[in-house]
Amino acid sequence: MSNLINFKNSIINDNGASYNLLTGQFNPSTGYMVSMQDHESITVFNKESLQYEICRYVRAKAELLMAGIVDVHFLGGWLDKGNLYLDISIHELDLNEALRIAKNNNQLAIFDCKNKVSIYL
């Protein structure tokens, strides 16, 4: 449970976070995060309801977050222009594969975990 608290705090303090519910891995330092199409939730950011929104999303997406590919699926969250985005992200170590997955999932960008920057397609 402490990592979900870290996840929430990282969204507030760092504008984003990634957390694997099965392995406990938090904010990988290598590789790339790629959002999966049709699994994004967008709400107006409210610090007081953030924990509720995270729990609601995890409950709705529990089956996929707990899928057998334990080192790949991450709960992702970030803030942008006053909105809270929650999604299921794939952690991919290879840049070219991450870009391919992003294109196949109609994404605008991927996140570079090492350099902590978005890479736009």
N, C-alpha and C. Protein backbone atom coordinates (compact mmCIF):
# COMPACT_ATOMS: atom_id res chain seq x y z
N MET A 1 0.81 -1.20 0.00
CA MET A 1 0.00 0.00 0.00
C MET A 1 0.86 1.26 0.00
N SER A 2 2.04 1.17 0.57
CA SER A 2 2.87 2.38 0.64
C SER A 2 3.24 2.88 -0.75
N ASN A 3 3.34 2.00 -1.73
CA ASN A 3 3.69 2.47 -3.07
C ASN A 3 2.53 3.20 -3.74
N LEU A 4 1.29 2.87 -3.42
CA LEU A 4 0.18 3.66 -3.95
C LEU A 4 0.19 5.05 -3.33
N ILE A 5 0.61 5.16 -2.09
CA ILE A 5 0.75 6.48 -1.48
C ILE A 5 1.90 7.22 -2.15
N ASN A 6 3.02 6.53 -2.41
CA ASN A 6 4.13 7.15 -3.14
C ASN A 6 3.68 7.56 -4.54
N PHE A 7 2.88 6.73 -5.18
CA PHE A 7 2.34 7.02 -6.51
C PHE A 7 1.54 8.33 -6.46
N LYS A 8 0.63 8.43 -5.51
CA LYS A 8 -0.18 9.64 -5.35
C LYS A 8 0.70 10.86 -5.10
N ASN A 9 1.64 10.73 -4.18
CA ASN A 9 2.52 11.86 -3.84
C ASN A 9 3.40 12.27 -5.02
N SER A 10 3.84 11.30 -5.81
CA SER A 10 4.67 11.61 -6.97
C SER A 10 3.87 12.36 -8.03
N ILE A 11 2.60 12.03 -8.17
CA ILE A 11 1.75 12.78 -9.10
C ILE A 11 1.66 14.23 -8.64
N ILE A 12 1.45 14.43 -7.35
CA ILE A 12 1.31 15.78 -6.80
C ILE A 12 2.64 16.55 -6.90
N ASN A 13 3.72 15.92 -6.47
CA ASN A 13 5.01 16.62 -6.35
C ASN A 13 5.83 16.66 -7.64
N ASP A 14 5.69 15.63 -8.48
CA ASP A 14 6.53 15.51 -9.68
C ASP A 14 5.72 15.54 -10.97
N ASN A 15 4.42 15.71 -10.86
CA ASN A 15 3.50 15.73 -12.00
C ASN A 15 3.32 14.39 -12.69
N GLY A 16 3.81 13.29 -12.10
CA GLY A 16 3.58 12.00 -12.72
C GLY A 16 4.27 10.86 -11.99
N ALA A 17 3.79 9.64 -12.29
CA ALA A 17 4.36 8.45 -11.67
C ALA A 17 3.93 7.20 -12.44
N SER A 18 4.71 6.14 -12.23
CA SER A 18 4.38 4.81 -12.77
C SER A 18 4.60 3.80 -11.67
N TYR A 19 3.67 2.84 -11.57
CA TYR A 19 3.75 1.85 -10.49
C TYR A 19 3.20 0.52 -10.97
N ASN A 20 3.98 -0.54 -10.77
CA ASN A 20 3.56 -1.90 -11.11
C ASN A 20 2.99 -2.53 -9.84
N LEU A 21 1.69 -2.79 -9.85
CA LEU A 21 1.01 -3.31 -8.67
C LEU A 21 1.48 -4.71 -8.28
N LEU A 22 1.96 -5.50 -9.22
CA LEU A 22 2.38 -6.87 -8.91
C LEU A 22 3.81 -6.96 -8.41
N THR A 23 4.71 -6.21 -9.02
CA THR A 23 6.11 -6.31 -8.63
C THR A 23 6.52 -5.26 -7.61
N GLY A 24 5.73 -4.19 -7.50
CA GLY A 24 6.08 -3.10 -6.61
C GLY A 24 7.05 -2.11 -7.22
N GLN A 25 7.44 -2.32 -8.48
CA GLN A 25 8.38 -1.40 -9.11
C GLN A 25 7.72 -0.03 -9.25
N PHE A 26 8.47 1.00 -8.88
CA PHE A 26 7.96 2.36 -8.85
C PHE A 26 8.88 3.26 -9.65
N ASN A 27 8.32 4.00 -10.59
CA ASN A 27 9.06 4.94 -11.42
C ASN A 27 10.37 4.34 -11.96
N PRO A 28 10.27 3.42 -12.94
CA PRO A 28 11.48 2.83 -13.51
C PRO A 28 12.48 3.89 -13.95
N SER A 29 13.76 3.57 -13.83
CA SER A 29 14.81 4.54 -14.19
C SER A 29 15.40 4.27 -15.56
N THR A 30 14.94 3.23 -16.23
CA THR A 30 15.39 2.93 -17.59
C THR A 30 14.18 2.60 -18.45
N GLY A 31 14.37 2.64 -19.74
CA GLY A 31 13.32 2.26 -20.66
C GLY A 31 12.32 3.38 -20.91
N TYR A 32 11.16 2.98 -21.42
CA TYR A 32 10.16 3.92 -21.89
C TYR A 32 8.78 3.45 -21.46
N MET A 33 7.92 4.39 -21.14
CA MET A 33 6.54 4.08 -20.79
C MET A 33 5.66 4.45 -21.98
N VAL A 34 4.79 3.51 -22.36
CA VAL A 34 3.90 3.70 -23.50
C VAL A 34 2.47 3.42 -23.04
N SER A 35 1.59 4.36 -23.23
CA SER A 35 0.19 4.18 -22.84
C SER A 35 -0.52 3.23 -23.79
N MET A 36 -1.43 2.44 -23.22
CA MET A 36 -2.26 1.54 -24.01
C MET A 36 -3.54 2.26 -24.43
N GLN A 37 -3.89 2.10 -25.67
CA GLN A 37 -5.08 2.75 -26.22
C GLN A 37 -6.34 2.28 -25.49
N ASP A 38 -7.28 3.19 -25.30
CA ASP A 38 -8.60 2.92 -24.72
C ASP A 38 -8.58 2.58 -23.24
N HIS A 39 -7.50 2.91 -22.55
CA HIS A 39 -7.44 2.66 -21.10
C HIS A 39 -7.11 3.93 -20.33
N GLU A 40 -7.34 5.08 -20.92
CA GLU A 40 -7.00 6.35 -20.29
C GLU A 40 -8.24 6.96 -19.63
N SER A 41 -8.05 7.46 -18.43
CA SER A 41 -9.09 8.19 -17.72
C SER A 41 -8.60 9.63 -17.53
N ILE A 42 -9.46 10.58 -17.87
CA ILE A 42 -9.10 11.99 -17.75
C ILE A 42 -10.15 12.67 -16.87
N THR A 43 -9.69 13.29 -15.78
CA THR A 43 -10.57 14.04 -14.91
C THR A 43 -9.88 15.35 -14.55
N VAL A 44 -10.65 16.31 -14.11
CA VAL A 44 -10.08 17.55 -13.62
C VAL A 44 -9.32 17.23 -12.33
N PHE A 45 -8.09 17.71 -12.24
CA PHE A 45 -7.27 17.41 -11.07
C PHE A 45 -7.81 18.11 -9.83
N ASN A 46 -7.97 17.35 -8.77
CA ASN A 46 -8.38 17.86 -7.47
C ASN A 46 -7.57 17.09 -6.44
N LYS A 47 -6.69 17.76 -5.75
CA LYS A 47 -5.80 17.12 -4.78
C LYS A 47 -6.58 16.33 -3.73
N GLU A 48 -7.71 16.87 -3.30
CA GLU A 48 -8.49 16.21 -2.26
C GLU A 48 -9.12 14.90 -2.73
N SER A 49 -9.44 14.78 -4.00
CA SER A 49 -10.07 13.56 -4.49
C SER A 49 -9.10 12.64 -5.24
N LEU A 50 -7.82 12.98 -5.23
CA LEU A 50 -6.84 12.20 -5.99
C LEU A 50 -6.81 10.74 -5.55
N GLN A 51 -6.76 10.49 -4.26
CA GLN A 51 -6.72 9.11 -3.78
C GLN A 51 -7.95 8.33 -4.23
N TYR A 52 -9.12 8.96 -4.15
CA TYR A 52 -10.35 8.32 -4.61
C TYR A 52 -10.25 7.98 -6.11
N GLU A 53 -9.78 8.93 -6.93
CA GLU A 53 -9.68 8.70 -8.37
C GLU A 53 -8.73 7.55 -8.69
N ILE A 54 -7.61 7.48 -7.97
CA ILE A 54 -6.66 6.39 -8.18
C ILE A 54 -7.31 5.05 -7.82
N CYS A 55 -7.96 4.99 -6.67
CA CYS A 55 -8.62 3.74 -6.25
C CYS A 55 -9.72 3.33 -7.22
N ARG A 56 -10.50 4.30 -7.68
CA ARG A 56 -11.57 4.02 -8.65
C ARG A 56 -10.99 3.43 -9.93
N TYR A 57 -9.90 4.01 -10.41
CA TYR A 57 -9.29 3.54 -11.65
C TYR A 57 -8.70 2.14 -11.46
N VAL A 58 -7.99 1.93 -10.36
CA VAL A 58 -7.38 0.61 -10.11
C VAL A 58 -8.47 -0.46 -10.02
N ARG A 59 -9.57 -0.16 -9.36
CA ARG A 59 -10.67 -1.13 -9.25
C ARG A 59 -11.24 -1.45 -10.64
N ALA A 60 -11.41 -0.42 -11.48
CA ALA A 60 -11.97 -0.62 -12.81
C ALA A 60 -11.02 -1.39 -13.73
N LYS A 61 -9.72 -1.24 -13.54
CA LYS A 61 -8.73 -1.84 -14.44
C LYS A 61 -7.93 -2.96 -13.78
N ALA A 62 -8.41 -3.48 -12.66
CA ALA A 62 -7.65 -4.46 -11.87
C ALA A 62 -7.25 -5.68 -12.70
N GLU A 63 -8.14 -6.19 -13.52
CA GLU A 63 -7.84 -7.40 -14.28
C GLU A 63 -6.63 -7.20 -15.20
N LEU A 64 -6.59 -6.09 -15.89
CA LEU A 64 -5.47 -5.83 -16.79
C LEU A 64 -4.20 -5.48 -16.01
N LEU A 65 -4.34 -4.70 -14.93
CA LEU A 65 -3.18 -4.36 -14.12
C LEU A 65 -2.56 -5.59 -13.47
N MET A 66 -3.36 -6.61 -13.24
CA MET A 66 -2.87 -7.83 -12.59
C MET A 66 -2.63 -8.96 -13.61
N ALA A 67 -2.58 -8.60 -14.90
CA ALA A 67 -2.38 -9.60 -15.95
C ALA A 67 -1.05 -10.32 -15.78
N GLY A 68 -0.91 -11.44 -16.44
CA GLY A 68 0.25 -12.30 -16.29
C GLY A 68 1.59 -11.71 -16.66
N ILE A 69 1.62 -10.65 -17.44
CA ILE A 69 2.89 -10.06 -17.85
C ILE A 69 3.29 -9.07 -16.76
N VAL A 70 3.79 -9.59 -15.64
CA VAL A 70 3.94 -8.78 -14.43
C VAL A 70 4.96 -7.66 -14.53
N ASP A 71 5.94 -7.78 -15.39
CA ASP A 71 6.98 -6.75 -15.43
C ASP A 71 6.70 -5.69 -16.49
N VAL A 72 5.54 -5.72 -17.11
CA VAL A 72 5.26 -4.82 -18.22
C VAL A 72 4.16 -3.80 -17.90
N HIS A 73 3.03 -4.24 -17.35
CA HIS A 73 1.90 -3.35 -17.12
C HIS A 73 2.08 -2.51 -15.87
N PHE A 74 1.96 -1.20 -16.05
CA PHE A 74 2.10 -0.25 -14.96
C PHE A 74 0.86 0.63 -14.88
N LEU A 75 0.52 1.03 -13.67
CA LEU A 75 -0.44 2.09 -13.46
C LEU A 75 0.32 3.39 -13.71
N GLY A 76 -0.19 4.22 -14.58
CA GLY A 76 0.45 5.49 -14.88
C GLY A 76 -0.45 6.64 -14.51
N GLY A 77 0.15 7.72 -14.06
CA GLY A 77 -0.62 8.91 -13.75
C GLY A 77 0.22 10.15 -13.96
N TRP A 78 -0.39 11.21 -14.46
CA TRP A 78 0.32 12.47 -14.64
C TRP A 78 -0.67 13.61 -14.71
N LEU A 79 -0.15 14.80 -14.51
CA LEU A 79 -0.94 16.02 -14.57
C LEU A 79 -0.56 16.81 -15.81
N ASP A 80 -1.56 17.39 -16.47
CA ASP A 80 -1.30 18.23 -17.63
C ASP A 80 -2.46 19.21 -17.78
N LYS A 81 -2.15 20.48 -17.78
CA LYS A 81 -3.13 21.55 -18.02
C LYS A 81 -4.36 21.42 -17.11
N GLY A 82 -4.12 21.12 -15.83
CA GLY A 82 -5.20 21.05 -14.86
C GLY A 82 -5.98 19.75 -14.85
N ASN A 83 -5.56 18.79 -15.67
CA ASN A 83 -6.23 17.49 -15.72
C ASN A 83 -5.35 16.39 -15.14
N LEU A 84 -6.01 15.39 -14.56
CA LEU A 84 -5.36 14.18 -14.08
C LEU A 84 -5.59 13.09 -15.12
N TYR A 85 -4.50 12.49 -15.56
CA TYR A 85 -4.57 11.37 -16.50
C TYR A 85 -4.13 10.11 -15.76
N LEU A 86 -4.95 9.07 -15.84
CA LEU A 86 -4.58 7.76 -15.33
C LEU A 86 -4.68 6.79 -16.49
N ASP A 87 -3.72 5.86 -16.55
CA ASP A 87 -3.74 4.90 -17.65
C ASP A 87 -3.00 3.63 -17.28
N ILE A 88 -3.02 2.71 -18.20
CA ILE A 88 -2.19 1.52 -18.11
C ILE A 88 -1.08 1.70 -19.12
N SER A 89 0.14 1.63 -18.64
CA SER A 89 1.30 1.82 -19.49
C SER A 89 2.11 0.54 -19.59
N ILE A 90 2.77 0.41 -20.71
CA ILE A 90 3.69 -0.70 -20.95
C ILE A 90 5.10 -0.18 -20.75
N HIS A 91 5.89 -0.90 -19.99
CA HIS A 91 7.30 -0.53 -19.80
C HIS A 91 8.12 -1.30 -20.82
N GLU A 92 8.71 -0.58 -21.75
CA GLU A 92 9.49 -1.18 -22.84
C GLU A 92 10.91 -0.64 -22.77
N LEU A 93 11.89 -1.54 -22.82
CA LEU A 93 13.29 -1.12 -22.71
C LEU A 93 13.86 -0.59 -24.02
N ASP A 94 13.35 -1.06 -25.15
CA ASP A 94 13.89 -0.70 -26.46
C ASP A 94 13.13 0.49 -27.06
N LEU A 95 13.85 1.53 -27.43
CA LEU A 95 13.22 2.74 -27.97
C LEU A 95 12.42 2.46 -29.23
N ASN A 96 12.98 1.73 -30.17
CA ASN A 96 12.27 1.47 -31.43
C ASN A 96 10.99 0.67 -31.19
N GLU A 97 11.04 -0.28 -30.28
CA GLU A 97 9.84 -1.07 -29.96
C GLU A 97 8.82 -0.19 -29.24
N ALA A 98 9.28 0.68 -28.35
CA ALA A 98 8.36 1.59 -27.66
C ALA A 98 7.66 2.51 -28.66
N LEU A 99 8.39 3.01 -29.63
CA LEU A 99 7.79 3.86 -30.66
C LEU A 99 6.79 3.09 -31.50
N ARG A 100 7.11 1.84 -31.81
CA ARG A 100 6.19 1.00 -32.59
C ARG A 100 4.90 0.75 -31.81
N ILE A 101 5.04 0.41 -30.54
CA ILE A 101 3.86 0.18 -29.69
C ILE A 101 3.02 1.45 -29.60
N ALA A 102 3.68 2.58 -29.44
CA ALA A 102 2.96 3.86 -29.34
C ALA A 102 2.17 4.14 -30.62
N LYS A 103 2.78 3.92 -31.75
CA LYS A 103 2.08 4.15 -33.03
C LYS A 103 0.88 3.22 -33.14
N ASN A 104 1.06 1.94 -32.77
CA ASN A 104 -0.03 0.97 -32.84
C ASN A 104 -1.16 1.30 -31.86
N ASN A 105 -0.86 2.06 -30.82
CA ASN A 105 -1.86 2.44 -29.82
C ASN A 105 -2.32 3.89 -29.98
N ASN A 106 -1.99 4.49 -31.13
CA ASN A 106 -2.42 5.86 -31.45
C ASN A 106 -2.04 6.87 -30.37
N GLN A 107 -0.82 6.77 -29.87
CA GLN A 107 -0.34 7.68 -28.84
C GLN A 107 0.41 8.84 -29.48
N LEU A 108 0.45 9.96 -28.78
CA LEU A 108 1.15 11.14 -29.25
C LEU A 108 2.61 11.17 -28.80
N ALA A 109 2.89 10.44 -27.70
CA ALA A 109 4.24 10.49 -27.13
C ALA A 109 4.48 9.26 -26.26
N ILE A 110 5.75 9.05 -25.94
CA ILE A 110 6.16 8.06 -24.95
C ILE A 110 6.96 8.81 -23.90
N PHE A 111 7.21 8.16 -22.77
CA PHE A 111 7.98 8.80 -21.71
C PHE A 111 9.31 8.09 -21.55
N ASP A 112 10.39 8.85 -21.62
CA ASP A 112 11.75 8.35 -21.43
C ASP A 112 12.03 8.35 -19.92
N CYS A 113 12.10 7.15 -19.33
CA CYS A 113 12.26 7.03 -17.87
C CYS A 113 13.61 7.53 -17.38
N LYS A 114 14.67 7.33 -18.15
CA LYS A 114 16.00 7.75 -17.73
C LYS A 114 16.13 9.27 -17.71
N ASN A 115 15.72 9.90 -18.80
CA ASN A 115 15.88 11.35 -18.94
C ASN A 115 14.68 12.14 -18.43
N LYS A 116 13.61 11.42 -18.08
CA LYS A 116 12.38 12.03 -17.53
C LYS A 116 11.81 13.10 -18.44
N VAL A 117 11.69 12.74 -19.73
CA VAL A 117 11.12 13.64 -20.73
C VAL A 117 10.18 12.86 -21.64
N SER A 118 9.23 13.56 -22.21
CA SER A 118 8.36 12.96 -23.21
C SER A 118 9.04 13.01 -24.57
N ILE A 119 8.86 11.97 -25.34
CA ILE A 119 9.35 11.91 -26.72
C ILE A 119 8.11 11.86 -27.61
N TYR A 120 7.91 12.92 -28.38
CA TYR A 120 6.73 13.00 -29.22
C TYR A 120 6.96 12.29 -30.55
N LEU A 121 5.92 11.61 -31.03
CA LEU A 121 6.03 10.86 -32.27
C LEU A 121 5.91 11.79 -33.47
